C-alpha atoms as a PDB file:
ATOM      1  CA  MET A   1    -298.575-135.822-142.086  1.00  0.00           C
ATOM      2  CA  ASP A   2    -295.060-135.635-143.446  1.00  0.00           C
ATOM      3  CA  TYR A   3    -293.319-133.520-140.834  1.00  0.00           C
ATOM      4  CA  LEU A   4    -290.145-133.300-142.895  1.00  0.00           C
ATOM      5  CA  GLU A   5    -292.061-131.866-145.850  1.00  0.00           C
ATOM      6  CA  GLU A   6    -293.891-129.394-143.597  1.00  0.00           C
ATOM      7  CA  PHE A   7    -290.613-128.384-142.000  1.00  0.00           C
ATOM      8  CA  ASP A   8    -289.070-127.749-145.439  1.00  0.00           C
ATOM      9  CA  LYS A   9    -292.060-125.573-146.415  1.00  0.00           C
ATOM     10  CA  LEU A  10    -291.794-123.612-143.202  1.00  0.00           C
ATOM     11  CA  LYS A  11    -288.029-123.237-143.635  1.00  0.00           C
ATOM     12  CA  SER A  12    -288.585-121.982-147.198  1.00  0.00           C
ATOM     13  CA  LYS A  13    -291.137-119.399-145.973  1.00  0.00           C
ATOM     14  CA  VAL A  14    -288.757-118.196-143.240  1.00  0.00           C
ATOM     15  CA  LEU A  15    -285.917-117.897-145.753  1.00  0.00           C
ATOM     16  CA  LYS A  16    -288.109-115.937-148.203  1.00  0.00           C
ATOM     17  CA  TYR A  17    -289.275-113.650-145.395  1.00  0.00           C
ATOM     18  CA  THR A  18    -285.683-113.105-144.199  1.00  0.00           C
ATOM     19  CA  LEU A  19    -284.491-112.283-147.717  1.00  0.00           C
ATOM     20  CA  TYR A  20    -287.485-109.978-148.253  1.00  0.00           C
ATOM     21  CA  LYS A  21    -286.815-108.252-144.929  1.00  0.00           C
ATOM     22  CA  LYS A  22    -283.114-107.757-145.718  1.00  0.00           C
ATOM     23  CA  ARG A  23    -283.916-106.449-149.190  1.00  0.00           C
ATOM     24  CA  SER A  24    -286.543-104.120-147.697  1.00  0.00           C
ATOM     25  CA  GLU A  25    -284.089-102.814-145.090  1.00  0.00           C
ATOM     26  CA  ALA A  26    -281.450-102.175-147.772  1.00  0.00           C
ATOM     27  CA  GLU A  27    -284.061-100.418-149.904  1.00  0.00           C
ATOM     28  CA  ILE A  28    -285.144 -98.248-146.950  1.00  0.00           C
ATOM     29  CA  LYS A  29    -281.508 -97.295-146.232  1.00  0.00           C
ATOM     30  CA  ARG A  30    -280.908 -96.442-149.899  1.00  0.00           C
ATOM     31  CA  LYS A  31    -284.099 -94.362-150.090  1.00  0.00           C
ATOM     32  CA  PHE A  32    -283.220 -92.585-146.834  1.00  0.00           C
ATOM     33  CA  ALA A  33    -279.717 -91.760-148.173  1.00  0.00           C
ATOM     34  CA  GLU A  34    -281.264 -90.393-151.390  1.00  0.00           C
ATOM     35  CA  PHE A  35    -283.850 -88.411-149.407  1.00  0.00           C
ATOM     36  CA  SER A  36    -281.169 -86.995-147.065  1.00  0.00           C
ATOM     37  CA  SER A  37    -279.001 -85.943-150.009  1.00  0.00           C
ATOM     38  CA  GLU A  38    -281.990 -84.313-151.725  1.00  0.00           C
ATOM     39  CA  MET A  39    -282.953 -82.468-148.531  1.00  0.00           C
ATOM     40  CA  LEU A  40    -279.370 -81.221-148.095  1.00  0.00           C
ATOM     41  CA  ASP A  41    -279.342 -79.994-151.710  1.00  0.00           C
ATOM     42  CA  ASN A  42    -282.593 -78.100-151.023  1.00  0.00           C
ATOM     43  CA  VAL A  43    -281.164 -76.522-147.853  1.00  0.00           C
ATOM     44  CA  ILE A  44    -277.973 -75.473-149.679  1.00  0.00           C
ATOM     45  CA  GLU A  45    -280.036 -73.951-152.511  1.00  0.00           C
ATOM     46  CA  GLU A  46    -282.261 -72.083-150.044  1.00  0.00           C
ATOM     47  CA  LEU A  47    -279.223 -70.751-148.168  1.00  0.00           C
ATOM     48  CA  LYS A  48    -277.570 -69.615-151.432  1.00  0.00           C
ATOM     49  CA  GLU A  49    -280.747 -67.783-152.452  1.00  0.00           C
ATOM     50  CA  ASN A  50    -280.590 -65.951-149.134  1.00  0.00           C
ATOM     51  CA  GLY A  51    -276.959 -64.891-149.474  1.00  0.00           C
ATOM     52  CA  TYR A  52    -275.246 -67.686-147.537  1.00  0.00           C
ATOM     53  CA  ASN A  53    -272.215 -69.419-149.035  1.00  0.00           C
ATOM     54  CA  GLN A  54    -270.993 -72.896-148.185  1.00  0.00           C
ATOM     55  CA  TYR A  55    -267.360 -72.366-147.192  1.00  0.00           C
ATOM     56  CA  GLU A  56    -266.837 -75.661-145.379  1.00  0.00           C
ATOM     57  CA  ILE A  57    -268.506 -79.041-145.718  1.00  0.00           C
ATOM     58  CA  SER A  58    -271.043 -78.303-142.957  1.00  0.00           C
ATOM     59  CA  ASN A  59    -270.763 -74.517-142.498  1.00  0.00           C
ATOM     60  CA  PHE A  60    -272.431 -71.615-144.265  1.00  0.00           C
ATOM     61  CA  SER A  61    -272.152 -67.859-143.810  1.00  0.00           C
ATOM     62  CA  LYS A  62    -272.718 -64.544-145.471  1.00  0.00           C
ATOM     63  CA  LYS A  63    -269.675 -63.130-147.256  1.00  0.00           C
ATOM     64  CA  THR A  64    -266.867 -62.059-144.861  1.00  0.00           C
ATOM     65  CA  TYR A  65    -268.663 -63.662-141.875  1.00  0.00           C
ATOM     66  CA  GLU A  66    -266.956 -67.060-142.085  1.00  0.00           C
ATOM     67  CA  SER A  67    -265.786 -68.401-138.719  1.00  0.00           C
ATOM     68  CA  LYS A  68    -262.173 -67.285-138.370  1.00  0.00           C
ATOM     69  CA  HIS A  69    -261.478 -69.914-135.707  1.00  0.00           C
ATOM     70  CA  ASN A  70    -262.836 -72.802-137.813  1.00  0.00           C
ATOM     71  CA  THR A  71    -261.064 -71.596-140.951  1.00  0.00           C
ATOM     72  CA  ASN A  72    -257.783 -71.273-139.058  1.00  0.00           C
ATOM     73  CA  CYS A  73    -258.226 -74.828-137.703  1.00  0.00           C
ATOM     74  CA  TRP A  74    -258.868 -76.226-141.200  1.00  0.00           C
ATOM     75  CA  LYS A  75    -255.734 -74.400-142.411  1.00  0.00           C
ATOM     76  CA  GLN A  76    -253.773 -75.800-139.460  1.00  0.00           C
ATOM     77  CA  LYS A  77    -252.923 -72.383-138.058  1.00  0.00           C
ATOM     78  CA  GLN A  78    -251.751 -72.094-134.459  1.00  0.00           C
ATOM     79  CA  TYR A  79    -253.922 -70.830-131.620  1.00  0.00           C
ATOM     80  CA  ILE A  80    -253.634 -70.459-127.861  1.00  0.00           C
ATOM     81  CA  GLY A  81    -256.541 -71.055-125.508  1.00  0.00           C
ATOM     82  CA  LEU A  82    -256.553 -69.168-122.201  1.00  0.00           C
ATOM     83  CA  GLY A  83    -258.231 -70.263-118.983  1.00  0.00           C
ATOM     84  CA  THR A  84    -259.401 -73.561-117.524  1.00  0.00           C
ATOM     85  CA  SER A  85    -260.260 -76.310-120.000  1.00  0.00           C
ATOM     86  CA  ALA A  86    -258.977 -74.203-122.906  1.00  0.00           C
ATOM     87  CA  HIS A  87    -257.326 -76.026-125.815  1.00  0.00           C
ATOM     88  CA  SER A  88    -254.330 -74.890-127.866  1.00  0.00           C
ATOM     89  CA  TYR A  89    -252.368 -75.886-130.968  1.00  0.00           C
ATOM     90  CA  LEU A  90    -248.797 -74.602-130.929  1.00  0.00           C
ATOM     91  CA  ASN A  91    -245.522 -75.890-132.398  1.00  0.00           C
ATOM     92  CA  LYS A  92    -247.258 -79.057-133.697  1.00  0.00           C
ATOM     93  CA  LYS A  93    -248.570 -79.840-130.197  1.00  0.00           C
ATOM     94  CA  ARG A  94    -252.207 -80.075-129.157  1.00  0.00           C
ATOM     95  CA  TYR A  95    -252.771 -79.517-125.471  1.00  0.00           C
ATOM     96  CA  SER A  96    -255.395 -78.438-122.978  1.00  0.00           C
ATOM     97  CA  ASN A  97    -255.428 -76.684-119.618  1.00  0.00           C
ATOM     98  CA  THR A  98    -256.696 -78.323-116.461  1.00  0.00           C
ATOM     99  CA  ASN A  99    -260.427 -77.998-115.824  1.00  0.00           C
ATOM    100  CA  ASN A 100    -259.851 -77.446-112.094  1.00  0.00           C
ATOM    101  CA  ILE A 101    -259.989 -73.689-111.491  1.00  0.00           C
ATOM    102  CA  GLU A 102    -258.401 -73.780-108.007  1.00  0.00           C
ATOM    103  CA  GLU A 103    -255.508 -75.866-109.338  1.00  0.00           C
ATOM    104  CA  TYR A 104    -255.194 -73.580-112.368  1.00  0.00           C
ATOM    105  CA  ILE A 105    -254.938 -70.417-110.206  1.00  0.00           C
ATOM    106  CA  LYS A 106    -252.586 -72.072-107.674  1.00  0.00           C
ATOM    107  CA  ASN A 107    -250.190 -73.194-110.450  1.00  0.00           C
ATOM    108  CA  ILE A 108    -250.102 -69.675-111.894  1.00  0.00           C
ATOM    109  CA  GLN A 109    -249.500 -68.097-108.457  1.00  0.00           C
ATOM    110  CA  GLU A 110    -246.687 -70.568-107.781  1.00  0.00           C
ATOM    111  CA  ASN A 111    -245.218 -70.036-111.275  1.00  0.00           C
ATOM    112  CA  ASN A 112    -245.857 -73.701-112.205  1.00  0.00           C
ATOM    113  CA  ILE A 113    -247.834 -72.961-115.384  1.00  0.00           C
ATOM    114  CA  SER A 114    -246.638 -76.174-117.059  1.00  0.00           C
ATOM    115  CA  LYS A 115    -248.588 -78.173-114.429  1.00  0.00           C
ATOM    116  CA  ASN A 116    -251.812 -76.786-115.935  1.00  0.00           C
ATOM    117  CA  ILE A 117    -251.086 -78.348-119.321  1.00  0.00           C
ATOM    118  CA  THR A 118    -251.905 -81.821-120.634  1.00  0.00           C
ATOM    119  CA  ILE A 119    -250.370 -82.611-124.030  1.00  0.00           C
ATOM    120  CA  HIS A 120    -252.716 -84.686-126.202  1.00  0.00           C
ATOM    121  CA  GLU A 121    -250.697 -84.924-129.398  1.00  0.00           C
ATOM    122  CA  GLU A 122    -247.222 -84.142-130.701  1.00  0.00           C
ATOM    123  CA  GLN A 123    -247.243 -84.301-134.470  1.00  0.00           C
ATOM    124  CA  ILE A 124    -244.456 -85.489-136.714  1.00  0.00           C
ATOM    125  CA  GLU A 125    -244.090 -84.156-140.272  1.00  0.00           C
ATOM    126  CA  LYS A 126    -246.020 -87.039-141.883  1.00  0.00           C
ATOM    127  CA  SER A 127    -249.021 -86.758-139.546  1.00  0.00           C
ATOM    128  CA  THR A 128    -249.002 -82.951-139.939  1.00  0.00           C
ATOM    129  CA  MET A 129    -249.153 -83.313-143.744  1.00  0.00           C
ATOM    130  CA  ASN A 130    -251.889 -85.955-143.611  1.00  0.00           C
ATOM    131  CA  GLU A 131    -253.943 -83.816-141.260  1.00  0.00           C
ATOM    132  CA  TYR A 132    -253.454 -80.772-143.510  1.00  0.00           C
ATOM    133  CA  MET A 133    -254.905 -82.767-146.407  1.00  0.00           C
ATOM    134  CA  LEU A 134    -257.803 -84.104-144.335  1.00  0.00           C
ATOM    135  CA  LEU A 135    -258.713 -80.714-142.862  1.00  0.00           C
ATOM    136  CA  GLY A 136    -258.110 -78.809-146.114  1.00  0.00           C
ATOM    137  CA  LEU A 137    -260.527 -81.079-147.948  1.00  0.00           C
ATOM    138  CA  ARG A 138    -263.253 -80.065-145.493  1.00  0.00           C
ATOM    139  CA  MET A 139    -263.213 -76.622-147.092  1.00  0.00           C
ATOM    140  CA  ILE A 140    -265.178 -76.043-150.275  1.00  0.00           C
ATOM    141  CA  GLN A 141    -262.223 -74.223-151.872  1.00  0.00           C
ATOM    142  CA  GLY A 142    -260.064 -77.232-150.991  1.00  0.00           C
ATOM    143  CA  ILE A 143    -256.294 -77.249-150.703  1.00  0.00           C
ATOM    144  CA  ASN A 144    -254.190 -74.606-152.341  1.00  0.00           C
ATOM    145  CA  ILE A 145    -251.279 -76.555-153.869  1.00  0.00           C
ATOM    146  CA  ASN A 146    -248.830 -73.633-153.614  1.00  0.00           C
ATOM    147  CA  GLU A 147    -249.665 -73.085-149.931  1.00  0.00           C
ATOM    148  CA  PHE A 148    -249.006 -76.791-149.295  1.00  0.00           C
ATOM    149  CA  LYS A 149    -245.648 -76.535-151.121  1.00  0.00           C
ATOM    150  CA  GLN A 150    -244.641 -73.478-149.083  1.00  0.00           C
ATOM    151  CA  LYS A 151    -245.611 -75.100-145.780  1.00  0.00           C
ATOM    152  CA  PHE A 152    -244.120 -78.566-146.349  1.00  0.00           C
ATOM    153  CA  LYS A 153    -241.526 -78.005-149.114  1.00  0.00           C
ATOM    154  CA  THR A 154    -243.101 -80.784-151.176  1.00  0.00           C
ATOM    155  CA  ASP A 155    -245.792 -81.099-153.850  1.00  0.00           C
ATOM    156  CA  PRO A 156    -249.013 -82.777-152.606  1.00  0.00           C
ATOM    157  CA  THR A 157    -249.823 -84.010-156.117  1.00  0.00           C
ATOM    158  CA  ILE A 158    -246.589 -86.040-156.036  1.00  0.00           C
ATOM    159  CA  LYS A 159    -246.629 -86.956-152.325  1.00  0.00           C
ATOM    160  CA  TYR A 160    -250.221 -88.282-152.543  1.00  0.00           C
ATOM    161  CA  LYS A 161    -250.194 -89.251-156.242  1.00  0.00           C
ATOM    162  CA  GLU A 162    -251.732 -92.748-155.860  1.00  0.00           C
ATOM    163  CA  ILE A 163    -254.406 -91.665-153.363  1.00  0.00           C
ATOM    164  CA  LEU A 164    -255.395 -88.641-155.471  1.00  0.00           C
ATOM    165  CA  GLU A 165    -255.599 -90.712-158.669  1.00  0.00           C
ATOM    166  CA  LYS A 166    -257.800 -93.273-156.894  1.00  0.00           C
ATOM    167  CA  LEU A 167    -260.111 -90.565-155.489  1.00  0.00           C
ATOM    168  CA  GLN A 168    -260.319 -88.878-158.902  1.00  0.00           C
ATOM    169  CA  LYS A 169    -261.324 -92.157-160.575  1.00  0.00           C
ATOM    170  CA  GLU A 170    -264.071 -92.507-157.959  1.00  0.00           C
ATOM    171  CA  ASN A 171    -265.194 -88.931-158.774  1.00  0.00           C
ATOM    172  CA  LEU A 172    -264.651 -87.835-155.156  1.00  0.00           C
ATOM    173  CA  ILE A 173    -262.064 -85.096-155.791  1.00  0.00           C
ATOM    174  CA  GLN A 174    -261.104 -82.783-158.608  1.00  0.00           C
ATOM    175  CA  LYS A 175    -257.573 -81.595-159.149  1.00  0.00           C
ATOM    176  CA  THR A 176    -256.512 -78.474-161.033  1.00  0.00           C
ATOM    177  CA  LYS A 177    -253.111 -76.793-161.419  1.00  0.00           C
ATOM    178  CA  THR A 178    -253.770 -74.749-158.287  1.00  0.00           C
ATOM    179  CA  SER A 179    -256.060 -76.799-156.029  1.00  0.00           C
ATOM    180  CA  ILE A 180    -257.381 -80.147-154.855  1.00  0.00           C
ATOM    181  CA  LYS A 181    -261.007 -80.158-153.712  1.00  0.00           C
ATOM    182  CA  LEU A 182    -264.028 -82.364-153.212  1.00  0.00           C
ATOM    183  CA  THR A 183    -266.539 -82.886-155.998  1.00  0.00           C
ATOM    184  CA  LYS A 184    -270.282 -82.781-155.247  1.00  0.00           C
ATOM    185  CA  GLN A 185    -270.110 -86.556-154.767  1.00  0.00           C
ATOM    186  CA  GLY A 186    -267.009 -86.097-152.605  1.00  0.00           C
ATOM    187  CA  ILE A 187    -268.926 -83.718-150.335  1.00  0.00           C
ATOM    188  CA  ASP A 188    -271.657 -86.348-149.948  1.00  0.00           C
ATOM    189  CA  PHE A 189    -269.090 -89.065-149.163  1.00  0.00           C
ATOM    190  CA  GLY A 190    -266.395 -87.021-147.408  1.00  0.00           C
ATOM    191  CA  ASN A 191    -265.656 -89.729-144.848  1.00  0.00           C
ATOM    192  CA  ILE A 192    -264.397 -92.028-147.604  1.00  0.00           C
ATOM    193  CA  VAL A 193    -261.976 -89.296-148.740  1.00  0.00           C
ATOM    194  CA  TRP A 194    -260.739 -88.374-145.269  1.00  0.00           C
ATOM    195  CA  GLU A 195    -260.071 -92.010-144.357  1.00  0.00           C
ATOM    196  CA  GLU A 196    -257.312 -92.030-146.998  1.00  0.00           C
ATOM    197  CA  PHE A 197    -255.339 -89.498-144.932  1.00  0.00           C
ATOM    198  CA  ILE A 198    -255.792 -91.010-141.457  1.00  0.00           C
END
């Protein structure tokens, strides 16, 4: 028996099996992605037929019942959280209160309110703009170009010209005179879009 020949045959079978397995796994992943997208389309259609509108990439509501808190977050509006563990966004700072209720009450009684606060992020202008783009593109209506200009005193179509052109070529966003928003494909692959602004 030629052991070398047998070994080569066995090696060839293993290689074929490995390639088959990898191809099968890739095929399963592709089919699952297609199936997931199709299921999401069906859910969106069913919700629309029942009076629910998609106002954010993963949120639906009946007209005028959109989450005010979520919408304000996506539009980078300020908010103050009260009580233990509450989070706030004020003056470009994100912070939270202590989760220890005894400590929280003691600091208030002793007029040491600042001891209750842990600052998590202090934004600079560039990071604030990038975040505005990232969060704004979560909304179905997208980013209002005039609102961006008013807030940052600059035009997002100029500031992010190269990124926007790239995303348009990939059919992930659509740009009009008044807005920048995700396409259907952009909604399916939102993470790719958002990564450009991180």
